[in-house]
Amino acid sequence: MDKSQIREHMKVVGSDGRSIGSVDKVEGDKIKLSKSGSADGQHHFIDLADVADIKNDEIRLSKNRT
């Protein structure tokens, strides 16, 4: 996975296909999710190591939403 493929506003989904949020930006080895899509109004982070695939402007993770 090449982190340069990750762009702002891309949809992030868990391995079960459920939406997790959208990308705000990449910071180091983490994806920072937009706080506008968060239930608690806070930014959340996902490790790049958890990205299983990037296809059709969608990032699919190797694990489910928790």
N, C-alpha and C. Protein backbone atom coordinates (compact mmCIF):
# COMPACT_ATOMS: atom_id res chain seq x y z
N MET A 1 0.85 -1.17 0.00
CA MET A 1 0.00 0.00 0.00
C MET A 1 0.90 1.24 0.00
N ASP A 2 0.60 2.14 -0.90
CA ASP A 2 1.34 3.38 -1.04
C ASP A 2 0.51 4.52 -0.44
N LYS A 3 1.00 5.11 0.65
CA LYS A 3 0.19 6.12 1.34
C LYS A 3 -0.06 7.36 0.48
N SER A 4 0.70 7.54 -0.60
CA SER A 4 0.45 8.68 -1.48
C SER A 4 -0.87 8.52 -2.24
N GLN A 5 -1.45 7.32 -2.24
CA GLN A 5 -2.75 7.08 -2.87
C GLN A 5 -3.90 7.63 -2.03
N ILE A 6 -3.64 7.90 -0.75
CA ILE A 6 -4.69 8.34 0.17
C ILE A 6 -4.87 9.84 0.03
N ARG A 7 -6.14 10.23 -0.23
CA ARG A 7 -6.46 11.63 -0.43
C ARG A 7 -7.57 12.07 0.53
N GLU A 8 -7.62 13.37 0.74
CA GLU A 8 -8.66 13.97 1.58
C GLU A 8 -10.04 13.58 1.07
N HIS A 9 -10.94 13.32 1.99
CA HIS A 9 -12.35 12.99 1.74
C HIS A 9 -12.59 11.57 1.24
N MET A 10 -11.55 10.73 1.14
CA MET A 10 -11.79 9.34 0.75
C MET A 10 -12.59 8.65 1.84
N LYS A 11 -13.47 7.77 1.45
CA LYS A 11 -14.29 7.00 2.39
C LYS A 11 -13.44 5.88 2.99
N VAL A 12 -13.59 5.66 4.30
CA VAL A 12 -12.89 4.59 4.99
C VAL A 12 -13.94 3.60 5.51
N VAL A 13 -13.77 2.31 5.16
CA VAL A 13 -14.71 1.28 5.60
C VAL A 13 -13.96 0.14 6.27
N GLY A 14 -14.65 -0.53 7.19
CA GLY A 14 -14.08 -1.69 7.85
C GLY A 14 -14.13 -2.90 6.94
N SER A 15 -13.55 -4.00 7.39
CA SER A 15 -13.54 -5.23 6.59
C SER A 15 -14.95 -5.77 6.38
N ASP A 16 -15.89 -5.33 7.23
CA ASP A 16 -17.29 -5.75 7.10
C ASP A 16 -18.07 -4.84 6.15
N GLY A 17 -17.41 -3.80 5.57
CA GLY A 17 -18.06 -2.90 4.64
C GLY A 17 -18.76 -1.72 5.29
N ARG A 18 -18.79 -1.67 6.62
CA ARG A 18 -19.45 -0.56 7.31
C ARG A 18 -18.56 0.68 7.32
N SER A 19 -19.17 1.83 7.13
CA SER A 19 -18.44 3.09 7.08
C SER A 19 -17.81 3.42 8.43
N ILE A 20 -16.58 3.91 8.37
CA ILE A 20 -15.87 4.33 9.57
C ILE A 20 -15.72 5.85 9.57
N GLY A 21 -15.62 6.44 8.41
CA GLY A 21 -15.50 7.89 8.31
C GLY A 21 -14.85 8.28 7.00
N SER A 22 -14.30 9.48 6.97
CA SER A 22 -13.60 9.95 5.78
C SER A 22 -12.26 10.55 6.19
N VAL A 23 -11.35 10.54 5.25
CA VAL A 23 -9.98 11.00 5.50
C VAL A 23 -9.93 12.51 5.62
N ASP A 24 -9.26 12.99 6.66
CA ASP A 24 -8.91 14.39 6.78
C ASP A 24 -7.53 14.58 6.15
N LYS A 25 -6.55 13.77 6.60
CA LYS A 25 -5.21 13.78 6.03
C LYS A 25 -4.39 12.63 6.61
N VAL A 26 -3.21 12.42 6.04
CA VAL A 26 -2.27 11.42 6.55
C VAL A 26 -1.23 12.16 7.38
N GLU A 27 -1.00 11.66 8.59
CA GLU A 27 0.01 12.22 9.49
C GLU A 27 0.97 11.10 9.88
N GLY A 28 2.15 11.13 9.30
CA GLY A 28 3.14 10.08 9.60
C GLY A 28 2.65 8.73 9.13
N ASP A 29 2.48 7.79 10.08
CA ASP A 29 2.01 6.45 9.74
C ASP A 29 0.56 6.23 10.15
N LYS A 30 -0.22 7.32 10.21
CA LYS A 30 -1.63 7.23 10.60
C LYS A 30 -2.51 8.04 9.66
N ILE A 31 -3.74 7.58 9.50
CA ILE A 31 -4.76 8.32 8.77
C ILE A 31 -5.58 9.07 9.81
N LYS A 32 -5.67 10.37 9.64
CA LYS A 32 -6.48 11.20 10.53
C LYS A 32 -7.86 11.31 9.89
N LEU A 33 -8.89 10.88 10.61
CA LEU A 33 -10.25 10.95 10.10
C LEU A 33 -10.86 12.31 10.38
N SER A 34 -11.74 12.72 9.51
CA SER A 34 -12.44 14.00 9.66
C SER A 34 -13.33 13.95 10.91
N LYS A 35 -13.31 15.01 11.69
CA LYS A 35 -14.14 15.03 12.89
C LYS A 35 -15.60 15.30 12.57
N SER A 36 -15.88 15.81 11.38
CA SER A 36 -17.28 16.09 11.02
C SER A 36 -18.11 14.82 10.90
N GLY A 37 -17.47 13.69 10.63
CA GLY A 37 -18.18 12.42 10.53
C GLY A 37 -18.14 11.60 11.80
N SER A 38 -17.57 12.17 12.86
CA SER A 38 -17.40 11.45 14.12
C SER A 38 -18.57 11.73 15.06
N ALA A 39 -19.05 10.70 15.73
CA ALA A 39 -20.15 10.84 16.67
C ALA A 39 -19.79 11.75 17.84
N ASP A 40 -18.52 11.75 18.24
CA ASP A 40 -18.11 12.57 19.39
C ASP A 40 -17.48 13.91 18.97
N GLY A 41 -17.46 14.21 17.67
CA GLY A 41 -16.93 15.46 17.18
C GLY A 41 -15.42 15.60 17.32
N GLN A 42 -14.71 14.49 17.45
CA GLN A 42 -13.26 14.49 17.63
C GLN A 42 -12.59 13.80 16.44
N HIS A 43 -11.34 14.15 16.20
CA HIS A 43 -10.54 13.44 15.20
C HIS A 43 -10.17 12.07 15.76
N HIS A 44 -10.18 11.05 14.92
CA HIS A 44 -9.72 9.72 15.28
C HIS A 44 -8.65 9.31 14.28
N PHE A 45 -7.80 8.38 14.68
CA PHE A 45 -6.66 7.98 13.86
C PHE A 45 -6.70 6.48 13.59
N ILE A 46 -6.23 6.09 12.41
CA ILE A 46 -6.14 4.69 12.00
C ILE A 46 -4.71 4.44 11.54
N ASP A 47 -4.12 3.36 12.00
CA ASP A 47 -2.77 3.00 11.57
C ASP A 47 -2.78 2.61 10.09
N LEU A 48 -1.79 3.08 9.35
CA LEU A 48 -1.68 2.69 7.94
C LEU A 48 -1.52 1.18 7.80
N ALA A 49 -0.96 0.53 8.81
CA ALA A 49 -0.79 -0.92 8.78
C ALA A 49 -2.13 -1.66 8.73
N ASP A 50 -3.22 -0.99 9.12
CA ASP A 50 -4.55 -1.61 9.11
C ASP A 50 -5.27 -1.48 7.77
N VAL A 51 -4.65 -0.82 6.79
CA VAL A 51 -5.25 -0.67 5.46
C VAL A 51 -5.03 -1.96 4.68
N ALA A 52 -6.12 -2.58 4.24
CA ALA A 52 -6.05 -3.81 3.46
C ALA A 52 -5.99 -3.51 1.96
N ASP A 53 -6.75 -2.48 1.53
CA ASP A 53 -6.85 -2.21 0.10
C ASP A 53 -7.35 -0.79 -0.13
N ILE A 54 -6.96 -0.22 -1.24
CA ILE A 54 -7.47 1.08 -1.69
C ILE A 54 -7.95 0.90 -3.11
N LYS A 55 -9.24 1.17 -3.31
CA LYS A 55 -9.82 0.95 -4.64
C LYS A 55 -11.06 1.82 -4.80
N ASN A 56 -11.21 2.43 -5.97
CA ASN A 56 -12.38 3.25 -6.28
C ASN A 56 -12.61 4.34 -5.24
N ASP A 57 -11.56 5.06 -4.86
CA ASP A 57 -11.66 6.14 -3.87
C ASP A 57 -12.20 5.68 -2.52
N GLU A 58 -11.94 4.43 -2.18
CA GLU A 58 -12.38 3.88 -0.90
C GLU A 58 -11.22 3.12 -0.26
N ILE A 59 -11.04 3.32 1.03
CA ILE A 59 -10.01 2.63 1.79
C ILE A 59 -10.70 1.56 2.61
N ARG A 60 -10.30 0.31 2.38
CA ARG A 60 -10.87 -0.81 3.14
C ARG A 60 -9.82 -1.28 4.15
N LEU A 61 -10.26 -1.40 5.39
CA LEU A 61 -9.37 -1.82 6.46
C LEU A 61 -9.37 -3.34 6.62
N SER A 62 -8.38 -3.84 7.31
CA SER A 62 -8.27 -5.28 7.55
C SER A 62 -9.06 -5.70 8.80
N LYS A 63 -9.70 -4.75 9.46
CA LYS A 63 -10.51 -5.09 10.63
C LYS A 63 -11.79 -4.27 10.63
N ASN A 64 -12.72 -4.69 11.46
CA ASN A 64 -14.02 -4.03 11.54
C ASN A 64 -13.96 -2.77 12.39
N ARG A 65 -15.00 -2.00 12.25
CA ARG A 65 -15.18 -0.81 13.08
C ARG A 65 -15.37 -1.25 14.52
N THR A 66 -14.72 -0.53 15.44
CA THR A 66 -14.86 -0.90 16.86
C THR A 66 -15.53 0.19 17.65
